[in-house]
Amino acid sequence: MATTINVPASASPPSKTGIWVVLAAITMSFAAFTSALIVRQGASSDWHHIVLPSILYLNTLVLLASSATLEVARSRIAVFMGGPKTFDSNPARWLYVTAALGVAFVVGQYSAWLQLRSQGLYLATNPNSSFFYLLTAIHALHVLGGLVGLTYVLRKLQRVALQRTTLNSFSYYWHFMGILWVYLLLLLWMKI
């Protein structure tokens, strides 16, 4: 005998619930890293401040621009999926721009690491350079994960199987990466 499960009409889609769990876990991880950085800085005599690579400021603009292009894509996709196809025959165009900006951000992070290396600052040079590499690398990995999610969204859109909740969940993640980066840049600027 088959058992049926009644799901209330007000239940959140799994993608919406899942993204909030993921964002909470990422927030807790970076809060722990922040706490470790502050404690280590306060307890050390070997903390040497470094000048942040200037590419980080450009990277910030690139990541914020990618959030803007994602919002343009979301509005174009909403019109495309809900109405006549004459408005924009290729709503994915802005998602590709978002992806290109995401890749540019990761390349810019790599450039920042190369700039630090050219100054003789490596992962193990001193505690603050270790925190710099750790925080920026983990964030870059999360952006790469976002690019994987964006690839999934693009594939669903091409098959005309994209659900609004999937696009919204991806956009929450992507915008969160932008907000997290601004936080990290301020933290690095003040503490590193």
N, C-alpha and C. Protein backbone atom coordinates (compact mmCIF):
# COMPACT_ATOMS: atom_id res chain seq x y z
N MET A 1 0.84 -1.17 0.00
CA MET A 1 0.00 0.00 0.00
C MET A 1 0.89 1.24 0.00
N ALA A 2 0.67 2.11 -0.91
CA ALA A 2 1.48 3.31 -1.06
C ALA A 2 1.08 4.35 -0.03
N THR A 3 2.08 5.00 0.52
CA THR A 3 1.83 6.06 1.49
C THR A 3 2.03 7.40 0.80
N THR A 4 1.10 8.28 1.00
CA THR A 4 1.25 9.62 0.42
C THR A 4 1.62 10.59 1.52
N ILE A 5 2.44 11.53 1.16
CA ILE A 5 2.86 12.57 2.09
C ILE A 5 2.25 13.87 1.63
N ASN A 6 1.50 14.49 2.50
CA ASN A 6 0.89 15.77 2.18
C ASN A 6 1.85 16.88 2.55
N VAL A 7 2.22 17.66 1.57
CA VAL A 7 3.10 18.80 1.81
C VAL A 7 2.22 20.05 1.84
N PRO A 8 2.34 20.84 2.91
CA PRO A 8 1.52 22.04 2.98
C PRO A 8 1.82 22.98 1.81
N ALA A 9 0.79 23.70 1.39
CA ALA A 9 0.94 24.62 0.25
C ALA A 9 1.95 25.72 0.54
N SER A 10 2.17 26.03 1.80
CA SER A 10 3.08 27.11 2.14
C SER A 10 4.53 26.66 2.33
N ALA A 11 4.82 25.39 2.08
CA ALA A 11 6.18 24.88 2.27
C ALA A 11 7.15 25.54 1.28
N SER A 12 8.35 25.79 1.77
CA SER A 12 9.37 26.38 0.90
C SER A 12 9.89 25.32 -0.05
N PRO A 13 10.21 25.72 -1.28
CA PRO A 13 10.83 24.77 -2.19
C PRO A 13 12.18 24.33 -1.63
N PRO A 14 12.60 23.09 -1.89
CA PRO A 14 13.87 22.61 -1.36
C PRO A 14 15.07 23.49 -1.71
N SER A 15 15.07 24.07 -2.90
CA SER A 15 16.20 24.91 -3.28
C SER A 15 16.29 26.16 -2.42
N LYS A 16 15.15 26.71 -2.02
CA LYS A 16 15.14 27.90 -1.18
C LYS A 16 15.64 27.56 0.22
N THR A 17 15.16 26.47 0.78
CA THR A 17 15.62 26.04 2.09
C THR A 17 17.10 25.70 2.06
N GLY A 18 17.50 24.98 1.04
CA GLY A 18 18.91 24.56 0.92
C GLY A 18 19.86 25.74 0.82
N ILE A 19 19.48 26.75 0.07
CA ILE A 19 20.40 27.89 -0.10
C ILE A 19 20.58 28.64 1.20
N TRP A 20 19.52 28.74 2.01
CA TRP A 20 19.66 29.43 3.29
C TRP A 20 20.55 28.64 4.25
N VAL A 21 20.48 27.31 4.19
CA VAL A 21 21.37 26.48 5.01
C VAL A 21 22.81 26.67 4.57
N VAL A 22 23.04 26.69 3.26
CA VAL A 22 24.39 26.89 2.73
C VAL A 22 24.93 28.26 3.13
N LEU A 23 24.12 29.30 2.98
CA LEU A 23 24.57 30.65 3.33
C LEU A 23 24.86 30.77 4.82
N ALA A 24 24.06 30.11 5.65
CA ALA A 24 24.31 30.12 7.09
C ALA A 24 25.63 29.43 7.42
N ALA A 25 25.91 28.32 6.77
CA ALA A 25 27.17 27.60 7.00
C ALA A 25 28.37 28.43 6.56
N ILE A 26 28.26 29.09 5.42
CA ILE A 26 29.35 29.94 4.95
C ILE A 26 29.56 31.11 5.90
N THR A 27 28.48 31.70 6.37
CA THR A 27 28.57 32.82 7.31
C THR A 27 29.28 32.38 8.58
N MET A 28 28.91 31.22 9.11
CA MET A 28 29.55 30.74 10.33
C MET A 28 31.03 30.45 10.11
N SER A 29 31.38 29.92 8.94
CA SER A 29 32.79 29.64 8.64
C SER A 29 33.61 30.92 8.60
N PHE A 30 33.11 31.93 7.92
CA PHE A 30 33.86 33.18 7.84
C PHE A 30 33.85 33.93 9.16
N ALA A 31 32.81 33.76 9.97
CA ALA A 31 32.81 34.35 11.31
C ALA A 31 33.90 33.70 12.15
N ALA A 32 34.07 32.39 12.02
CA ALA A 32 35.13 31.69 12.75
C ALA A 32 36.52 32.15 12.29
N PHE A 33 36.69 32.31 10.98
CA PHE A 33 37.97 32.81 10.47
C PHE A 33 38.25 34.22 10.97
N THR A 34 37.22 35.05 11.00
CA THR A 34 37.37 36.43 11.48
C THR A 34 37.80 36.42 12.95
N SER A 35 37.14 35.60 13.74
CA SER A 35 37.49 35.49 15.15
C SER A 35 38.93 35.02 15.32
N ALA A 36 39.32 34.02 14.57
CA ALA A 36 40.70 33.52 14.64
C ALA A 36 41.70 34.60 14.25
N LEU A 37 41.39 35.37 13.23
CA LEU A 37 42.27 36.46 12.80
C LEU A 37 42.44 37.50 13.91
N ILE A 38 41.34 37.91 14.51
CA ILE A 38 41.39 38.94 15.54
C ILE A 38 42.15 38.43 16.77
N VAL A 39 41.89 37.20 17.18
CA VAL A 39 42.59 36.64 18.34
C VAL A 39 44.08 36.50 18.03
N ARG A 40 44.41 36.00 16.84
CA ARG A 40 45.83 35.80 16.48
C ARG A 40 46.56 37.13 16.40
N GLN A 41 45.90 38.14 15.84
CA GLN A 41 46.54 39.45 15.74
C GLN A 41 46.80 40.03 17.13
N GLY A 42 45.83 39.90 18.01
CA GLY A 42 45.98 40.46 19.35
C GLY A 42 47.01 39.73 20.20
N ALA A 43 47.27 38.48 19.89
CA ALA A 43 48.17 37.68 20.71
C ALA A 43 49.56 37.52 20.10
N SER A 44 49.88 38.29 19.09
CA SER A 44 51.16 38.05 18.42
C SER A 44 52.04 39.29 18.40
N SER A 45 53.31 39.01 18.36
CA SER A 45 54.28 40.10 18.19
C SER A 45 54.89 40.05 16.79
N ASP A 46 54.47 39.06 16.02
CA ASP A 46 55.02 38.89 14.67
C ASP A 46 54.03 39.31 13.58
N TRP A 47 53.09 40.17 13.91
CA TRP A 47 52.08 40.61 12.95
C TRP A 47 52.62 41.83 12.22
N HIS A 48 52.82 41.72 10.92
CA HIS A 48 53.35 42.82 10.11
C HIS A 48 52.31 43.22 9.07
N HIS A 49 51.82 44.43 9.17
CA HIS A 49 50.80 44.88 8.23
C HIS A 49 51.37 44.93 6.82
N ILE A 50 50.53 44.60 5.87
CA ILE A 50 50.92 44.63 4.46
C ILE A 50 49.99 45.58 3.71
N VAL A 51 50.47 46.06 2.60
CA VAL A 51 49.64 46.89 1.72
C VAL A 51 48.88 45.95 0.80
N LEU A 52 47.57 46.11 0.79
CA LEU A 52 46.75 45.24 -0.06
C LEU A 52 47.01 45.53 -1.53
N PRO A 53 47.06 44.49 -2.36
CA PRO A 53 47.21 44.72 -3.80
C PRO A 53 46.05 45.55 -4.34
N SER A 54 46.34 46.51 -5.16
CA SER A 54 45.31 47.42 -5.67
C SER A 54 44.27 46.70 -6.53
N ILE A 55 44.61 45.55 -7.08
CA ILE A 55 43.66 44.81 -7.90
C ILE A 55 42.42 44.41 -7.09
N LEU A 56 42.55 44.33 -5.78
CA LEU A 56 41.41 43.94 -4.95
C LEU A 56 40.27 44.95 -5.05
N TYR A 57 40.61 46.22 -5.21
CA TYR A 57 39.56 47.24 -5.31
C TYR A 57 38.84 47.14 -6.66
N LEU A 58 39.60 46.86 -7.70
CA LEU A 58 38.98 46.62 -9.01
C LEU A 58 38.13 45.36 -8.97
N ASN A 59 38.63 44.33 -8.30
CA ASN A 59 37.86 43.09 -8.15
C ASN A 59 36.52 43.34 -7.47
N THR A 60 36.51 44.24 -6.51
CA THR A 60 35.27 44.57 -5.82
C THR A 60 34.25 45.13 -6.81
N LEU A 61 34.70 46.05 -7.65
CA LEU A 61 33.80 46.62 -8.67
C LEU A 61 33.33 45.54 -9.64
N VAL A 62 34.21 44.64 -10.00
CA VAL A 62 33.85 43.56 -10.93
C VAL A 62 32.77 42.68 -10.32
N LEU A 63 32.94 42.30 -9.06
CA LEU A 63 31.96 41.43 -8.43
C LEU A 63 30.63 42.14 -8.22
N LEU A 64 30.67 43.42 -7.86
CA LEU A 64 29.42 44.18 -7.72
C LEU A 64 28.73 44.36 -9.07
N ALA A 65 29.52 44.56 -10.12
CA ALA A 65 28.94 44.65 -11.47
C ALA A 65 28.28 43.34 -11.87
N SER A 66 28.87 42.21 -11.45
CA SER A 66 28.27 40.91 -11.78
C SER A 66 26.91 40.74 -11.09
N SER A 67 26.75 41.31 -9.91
CA SER A 67 25.43 41.28 -9.26
C SER A 67 24.42 42.11 -10.05
N ALA A 68 24.87 43.23 -10.57
CA ALA A 68 23.98 44.07 -11.38
C ALA A 68 23.58 43.35 -12.66
N THR A 69 24.53 42.71 -13.32
CA THR A 69 24.18 41.99 -14.56
C THR A 69 23.28 40.80 -14.27
N LEU A 70 23.44 40.19 -13.12
CA LEU A 70 22.55 39.09 -12.73
C LEU A 70 21.12 39.60 -12.56
N GLU A 71 20.96 40.76 -11.98
CA GLU A 71 19.62 41.32 -11.81
C GLU A 71 18.99 41.68 -13.16
N VAL A 72 19.79 42.18 -14.09
CA VAL A 72 19.27 42.42 -15.44
C VAL A 72 18.82 41.10 -16.06
N ALA A 73 19.65 40.06 -15.89
CA ALA A 73 19.30 38.74 -16.42
C ALA A 73 18.00 38.23 -15.81
N ARG A 74 17.85 38.37 -14.51
CA ARG A 74 16.63 37.89 -13.85
C ARG A 74 15.39 38.58 -14.41
N SER A 75 15.47 39.88 -14.62
CA SER A 75 14.29 40.57 -15.16
C SER A 75 14.01 40.16 -16.59
N ARG A 76 15.05 39.99 -17.39
CA ARG A 76 14.85 39.56 -18.78
C ARG A 76 14.31 38.14 -18.85
N ILE A 77 14.81 37.28 -17.97
CA ILE A 77 14.33 35.89 -17.97
C ILE A 77 12.87 35.83 -17.53
N ALA A 78 12.51 36.64 -16.55
CA ALA A 78 11.11 36.66 -16.09
C ALA A 78 10.18 37.05 -17.22
N VAL A 79 10.56 38.04 -18.00
CA VAL A 79 9.74 38.46 -19.14
C VAL A 79 9.73 37.37 -20.20
N PHE A 80 10.88 36.77 -20.46
CA PHE A 80 11.00 35.72 -21.47
C PHE A 80 10.13 34.51 -21.12
N MET A 81 10.15 34.12 -19.85
CA MET A 81 9.42 32.92 -19.44
C MET A 81 7.92 33.18 -19.28
N GLY A 82 7.55 34.44 -19.05
CA GLY A 82 6.16 34.72 -18.79
C GLY A 82 5.40 35.36 -19.92
N GLY A 83 6.05 35.67 -21.00
CA GLY A 83 5.35 36.39 -22.04
C GLY A 83 5.83 36.05 -23.43
N PRO A 84 5.57 36.96 -24.36
CA PRO A 84 5.98 36.73 -25.74
C PRO A 84 7.50 36.71 -25.86
N LYS A 85 7.96 35.92 -26.74
CA LYS A 85 9.40 35.72 -26.90
C LYS A 85 10.06 36.83 -27.72
N THR A 86 9.30 37.82 -28.10
CA THR A 86 9.86 38.88 -28.95
C THR A 86 10.69 39.89 -28.16
N PHE A 87 10.45 39.99 -26.84
CA PHE A 87 11.17 40.99 -26.04
C PHE A 87 12.67 40.76 -26.07
N ASP A 88 13.08 39.56 -25.78
CA ASP A 88 14.51 39.24 -25.76
C ASP A 88 14.65 37.78 -26.13
N SER A 89 15.11 37.55 -27.34
CA SER A 89 15.21 36.18 -27.81
C SER A 89 16.36 35.42 -27.16
N ASN A 90 17.26 36.14 -26.49
CA ASN A 90 18.38 35.48 -25.82
C ASN A 90 18.56 36.05 -24.41
N PRO A 91 17.69 35.65 -23.47
CA PRO A 91 17.80 36.20 -22.12
C PRO A 91 19.05 35.70 -21.38
N ALA A 92 19.70 34.67 -21.89
CA ALA A 92 20.90 34.12 -21.25
C ALA A 92 22.10 35.04 -21.43
N ARG A 93 22.02 35.99 -22.34
CA ARG A 93 23.15 36.88 -22.63
C ARG A 93 23.70 37.51 -21.35
N TRP A 94 22.82 38.00 -20.49
CA TRP A 94 23.26 38.67 -19.27
C TRP A 94 23.82 37.69 -18.25
N LEU A 95 23.38 36.44 -18.30
CA LEU A 95 23.97 35.42 -17.44
C LEU A 95 25.41 35.13 -17.88
N TYR A 96 25.64 35.14 -19.18
CA TYR A 96 27.01 34.96 -19.68
C TYR A 96 27.91 36.12 -19.26
N VAL A 97 27.36 37.33 -19.26
CA VAL A 97 28.15 38.48 -18.79
C VAL A 97 28.46 38.32 -17.31
N THR A 98 27.48 37.86 -16.55
CA THR A 98 27.70 37.61 -15.12
C THR A 98 28.80 36.57 -14.93
N ALA A 99 28.76 35.51 -15.72
CA ALA A 99 29.79 34.47 -15.63
C ALA A 99 31.17 35.03 -15.99
N ALA A 100 31.23 35.84 -17.03
CA ALA A 100 32.52 36.42 -17.44
C ALA A 100 33.08 37.30 -16.33
N LEU A 101 32.21 38.07 -15.69
CA LEU A 101 32.67 38.92 -14.58
C LEU A 101 33.11 38.07 -13.39
N GLY A 102 32.43 36.96 -13.15
CA GLY A 102 32.85 36.04 -12.08
C GLY A 102 34.22 35.45 -12.35
N VAL A 103 34.45 35.06 -13.59
CA VAL A 103 35.77 34.53 -13.96
C VAL A 103 36.83 35.63 -13.84
N ALA A 104 36.48 36.84 -14.26
CA ALA A 104 37.42 37.97 -14.13
C ALA A 104 37.78 38.22 -12.67
N PHE A 105 36.81 38.07 -11.77
CA PHE A 105 37.08 38.23 -10.34
C PHE A 105 38.10 37.20 -9.87
N VAL A 106 37.91 35.94 -10.23
CA VAL A 106 38.82 34.88 -9.79
C VAL A 106 40.22 35.12 -10.38
N VAL A 107 40.29 35.52 -11.63
CA VAL A 107 41.59 35.84 -12.25
C VAL A 107 42.24 37.01 -11.52
N GLY A 108 41.44 37.99 -11.14
CA GLY A 108 41.96 39.13 -10.38
C GLY A 108 42.50 38.71 -9.02
N GLN A 109 41.84 37.74 -8.38
CA GLN A 109 42.34 37.24 -7.09
C GLN A 109 43.70 36.57 -7.29
N TYR A 110 43.82 35.80 -8.34
CA TYR A 110 45.10 35.15 -8.64
C TYR A 110 46.18 36.21 -8.88
N SER A 111 45.80 37.26 -9.57
CA SER A 111 46.73 38.37 -9.81
C SER A 111 47.18 39.00 -8.49
N ALA A 112 46.25 39.14 -7.54
CA ALA A 112 46.60 39.69 -6.22
C ALA A 112 47.60 38.79 -5.51
N TRP A 113 47.40 37.48 -5.62
CA TRP A 113 48.35 36.55 -4.99
C TRP A 113 49.73 36.67 -5.64
N LEU A 114 49.75 36.82 -6.96
CA LEU A 114 51.04 37.00 -7.64
C LEU A 114 51.73 38.29 -7.22
N GLN A 115 50.95 39.35 -7.02
CA GLN A 115 51.52 40.62 -6.56
C GLN A 115 52.14 40.46 -5.17
N LEU A 116 51.47 39.73 -4.30
CA LEU A 116 52.04 39.50 -2.97
C LEU A 116 53.29 38.65 -3.05
N ARG A 117 53.27 37.64 -3.90
CA ARG A 117 54.47 36.81 -4.07
C ARG A 117 55.65 37.63 -4.55
N SER A 118 55.38 38.58 -5.46
CA SER A 118 56.48 39.41 -5.98
C SER A 118 57.07 40.30 -4.89
N GLN A 119 56.30 40.55 -3.81
CA GLN A 119 56.79 41.32 -2.67
C GLN A 119 57.45 40.42 -1.62
N GLY A 120 57.53 39.11 -1.90
CA GLY A 120 58.12 38.17 -0.97
C GLY A 120 57.17 37.72 0.12
N LEU A 121 55.88 37.91 -0.07
CA LEU A 121 54.88 37.50 0.92
C LEU A 121 54.18 36.23 0.43
N TYR A 122 54.45 35.16 1.13
CA TYR A 122 53.88 33.86 0.78
C TYR A 122 52.92 33.43 1.88
N LEU A 123 52.32 32.27 1.70
CA LEU A 123 51.37 31.75 2.67
C LEU A 123 51.98 31.67 4.07
N ALA A 124 53.21 31.22 4.17
CA ALA A 124 53.84 31.01 5.48
C ALA A 124 54.80 32.12 5.89
N THR A 125 54.80 33.25 5.20
CA THR A 125 55.74 34.32 5.53
C THR A 125 55.48 34.88 6.92
N ASN A 126 54.25 35.21 7.22
CA ASN A 126 53.86 35.69 8.55
C ASN A 126 52.38 35.42 8.73
N PRO A 127 51.86 35.57 9.95
CA PRO A 127 50.45 35.20 10.18
C PRO A 127 49.46 35.99 9.35
N ASN A 128 49.71 37.29 9.16
CA ASN A 128 48.71 38.05 8.42
C ASN A 128 48.69 37.70 6.93
N SER A 129 49.84 37.37 6.36
CA SER A 129 49.81 36.93 4.96
C SER A 129 49.11 35.58 4.85
N SER A 130 49.26 34.74 5.88
CA SER A 130 48.55 33.46 5.88
C SER A 130 47.04 33.68 5.88
N PHE A 131 46.58 34.60 6.72
CA PHE A 131 45.14 34.90 6.75
C PHE A 131 44.68 35.51 5.43
N PHE A 132 45.51 36.35 4.83
CA PHE A 132 45.13 36.95 3.55
C PHE A 132 44.89 35.85 2.51
N TYR A 133 45.88 34.96 2.36
CA TYR A 133 45.74 33.89 1.37
C TYR A 133 44.56 32.98 1.70
N LEU A 134 44.40 32.63 2.97
CA LEU A 134 43.32 31.74 3.37
C LEU A 134 41.95 32.34 3.05
N LEU A 135 41.71 33.56 3.50
CA LEU A 135 40.40 34.19 3.31
C LEU A 135 40.09 34.43 1.84
N THR A 136 41.05 34.92 1.09
CA THR A 136 40.78 35.21 -0.32
C THR A 136 40.66 33.93 -1.15
N ALA A 137 41.42 32.90 -0.78
CA ALA A 137 41.33 31.64 -1.53
C ALA A 137 39.99 30.94 -1.27
N ILE A 138 39.56 30.93 -0.01
CA ILE A 138 38.28 30.28 0.29
C ILE A 138 37.13 31.03 -0.38
N HIS A 139 37.21 32.35 -0.37
CA HIS A 139 36.16 33.12 -1.05
C HIS A 139 36.19 32.84 -2.56
N ALA A 140 37.37 32.80 -3.15
CA ALA A 140 37.48 32.52 -4.58
C ALA A 140 36.91 31.13 -4.91
N LEU A 141 37.14 30.16 -4.02
CA LEU A 141 36.55 28.82 -4.24
C LEU A 141 35.03 28.87 -4.19
N HIS A 142 34.49 29.69 -3.30
CA HIS A 142 33.03 29.83 -3.25
C HIS A 142 32.50 30.52 -4.52
N VAL A 143 33.24 31.47 -5.05
CA VAL A 143 32.83 32.10 -6.31
C VAL A 143 32.88 31.07 -7.44
N LEU A 144 33.92 30.23 -7.45
CA LEU A 144 33.98 29.17 -8.46
C LEU A 144 32.78 28.23 -8.32
N GLY A 145 32.39 27.93 -7.08
CA GLY A 145 31.19 27.13 -6.86
C GLY A 145 29.96 27.82 -7.41
N GLY A 146 29.91 29.14 -7.26
CA GLY A 146 28.81 29.91 -7.84
C GLY A 146 28.80 29.83 -9.35
N LEU A 147 29.99 29.80 -9.95
CA LEU A 147 30.06 29.67 -11.41
C LEU A 147 29.56 28.30 -11.87
N VAL A 148 29.78 27.28 -11.07
CA VAL A 148 29.21 25.96 -11.37
C VAL A 148 27.69 26.03 -11.30
N GLY A 149 27.18 26.70 -10.26
CA GLY A 149 25.73 26.89 -10.15
C GLY A 149 25.17 27.68 -11.32
N LEU A 150 25.90 28.68 -11.77
CA LEU A 150 25.46 29.48 -12.91
C LEU A 150 25.42 28.63 -14.18
N THR A 151 26.36 27.73 -14.33
CA THR A 151 26.34 26.81 -15.47
C THR A 151 25.07 25.96 -15.44
N TYR A 152 24.71 25.49 -14.26
CA TYR A 152 23.47 24.72 -14.10
C TYR A 152 22.25 25.55 -14.50
N VAL A 153 22.20 26.80 -14.04
CA VAL A 153 21.09 27.69 -14.39
C VAL A 153 21.03 27.89 -15.90
N LEU A 154 22.18 28.11 -16.53
CA LEU A 154 22.21 28.30 -17.99
C LEU A 154 21.70 27.07 -18.73
N ARG A 155 22.10 25.90 -18.28
CA ARG A 155 21.62 24.66 -18.93
C ARG A 155 20.12 24.52 -18.79
N LYS A 156 19.60 24.80 -17.61
CA LYS A 156 18.15 24.71 -17.41
C LYS A 156 17.42 25.73 -18.28
N LEU A 157 17.99 26.93 -18.40
CA LEU A 157 17.37 27.96 -19.24
C LEU A 157 17.36 27.54 -20.70
N GLN A 158 18.45 26.96 -21.17
CA GLN A 158 18.52 26.52 -22.57
C GLN A 158 17.50 25.45 -22.87
N ARG A 159 17.19 24.62 -21.88
CA ARG A 159 16.19 23.56 -22.06
C ARG A 159 14.77 24.05 -21.77
N VAL A 160 14.65 25.33 -21.44
CA VAL A 160 13.39 25.95 -21.05
C VAL A 160 12.78 25.15 -19.88
N ALA A 161 13.63 24.75 -18.96
CA ALA A 161 13.21 24.00 -17.78
C ALA A 161 13.62 24.71 -16.49
N LEU A 162 13.99 25.97 -16.61
CA LEU A 162 14.44 26.73 -15.45
C LEU A 162 13.25 27.15 -14.61
N GLN A 163 13.32 26.85 -13.33
CA GLN A 163 12.27 27.27 -12.41
C GLN A 163 12.71 28.55 -11.72
N ARG A 164 11.74 29.37 -11.40
CA ARG A 164 12.02 30.65 -10.74
C ARG A 164 12.78 30.44 -9.43
N THR A 165 12.42 29.40 -8.67
CA THR A 165 13.10 29.16 -7.39
C THR A 165 14.57 28.82 -7.58
N THR A 166 14.90 28.14 -8.65
CA THR A 166 16.30 27.81 -8.93
C THR A 166 17.09 29.08 -9.23
N LEU A 167 16.54 29.93 -10.08
CA LEU A 167 17.20 31.18 -10.41
C LEU A 167 17.32 32.08 -9.18
N ASN A 168 16.25 32.15 -8.39
CA ASN A 168 16.29 32.97 -7.18
C ASN A 168 17.32 32.45 -6.18
N SER A 169 17.38 31.14 -6.00
CA SER A 169 18.35 30.56 -5.07
C SER A 169 19.77 30.85 -5.52
N PHE A 170 20.02 30.71 -6.82
CA PHE A 170 21.35 31.05 -7.32
C PHE A 170 21.66 32.52 -7.09
N SER A 171 20.68 33.38 -7.34
CA SER A 171 20.93 34.83 -7.18
C SER A 171 21.20 35.18 -5.72
N TYR A 172 20.52 34.53 -4.78
CA TYR A 172 20.81 34.78 -3.36
C TYR A 172 22.27 34.44 -3.07
N TYR A 173 22.71 33.30 -3.57
CA TYR A 173 24.09 32.86 -3.35
C TYR A 173 25.07 33.87 -3.96
N TRP A 174 24.82 34.25 -5.19
CA TRP A 174 25.75 35.14 -5.90
C TRP A 174 25.84 36.51 -5.24
N HIS A 175 24.70 37.05 -4.88
CA HIS A 175 24.70 38.35 -4.20
C HIS A 175 25.38 38.24 -2.83
N PHE A 176 25.18 37.12 -2.17
CA PHE A 176 25.85 36.90 -0.89
C PHE A 176 27.36 36.90 -1.06
N MET A 177 27.85 36.32 -2.15
CA MET A 177 29.30 36.32 -2.40
C MET A 177 29.82 37.75 -2.55
N GLY A 178 29.03 38.61 -3.18
CA GLY A 178 29.42 40.01 -3.32
C GLY A 178 29.46 40.73 -1.98
N ILE A 179 28.43 40.51 -1.16
CA ILE A 179 28.39 41.13 0.16
C ILE A 179 29.53 40.60 1.03
N LEU A 180 29.75 39.30 0.97
CA LEU A 180 30.85 38.69 1.74
C LEU A 180 32.19 39.26 1.31
N TRP A 181 32.37 39.48 0.01
CA TRP A 181 33.64 40.03 -0.45
C TRP A 181 33.85 41.45 0.08
N VAL A 182 32.83 42.27 0.07
CA VAL A 182 32.96 43.63 0.60
C VAL A 182 33.36 43.56 2.08
N TYR A 183 32.73 42.67 2.82
CA TYR A 183 33.09 42.47 4.22
C TYR A 183 34.56 42.05 4.35
N LEU A 184 34.96 41.07 3.55
CA LEU A 184 36.35 40.59 3.62
C LEU A 184 37.35 41.67 3.25
N LEU A 185 37.03 42.45 2.25
CA LEU A 185 37.94 43.53 1.85
C LEU A 185 38.11 44.53 2.99
N LEU A 186 37.01 44.89 3.64
CA LEU A 186 37.10 45.81 4.78
C LEU A 186 37.90 45.18 5.92
N LEU A 187 37.67 43.90 6.19
CA LEU A 187 38.40 43.22 7.23
C LEU A 187 39.90 43.18 6.91
N LEU A 188 40.23 42.83 5.69
CA LEU A 188 41.64 42.79 5.28
C LEU A 188 42.27 44.17 5.36
N TRP A 189 41.54 45.17 4.91
CA TRP A 189 42.05 46.53 4.92
C TRP A 189 42.34 47.01 6.34
N MET A 190 41.45 46.66 7.28
CA MET A 190 41.61 47.13 8.66
C MET A 190 42.61 46.30 9.47
N LYS A 191 42.66 44.98 9.21
CA LYS A 191 43.41 44.09 10.09
C LYS A 191 44.70 43.55 9.49
N ILE A 192 44.78 43.42 8.17
CA ILE A 192 45.96 42.81 7.56
C ILE A 192 46.96 43.92 7.27
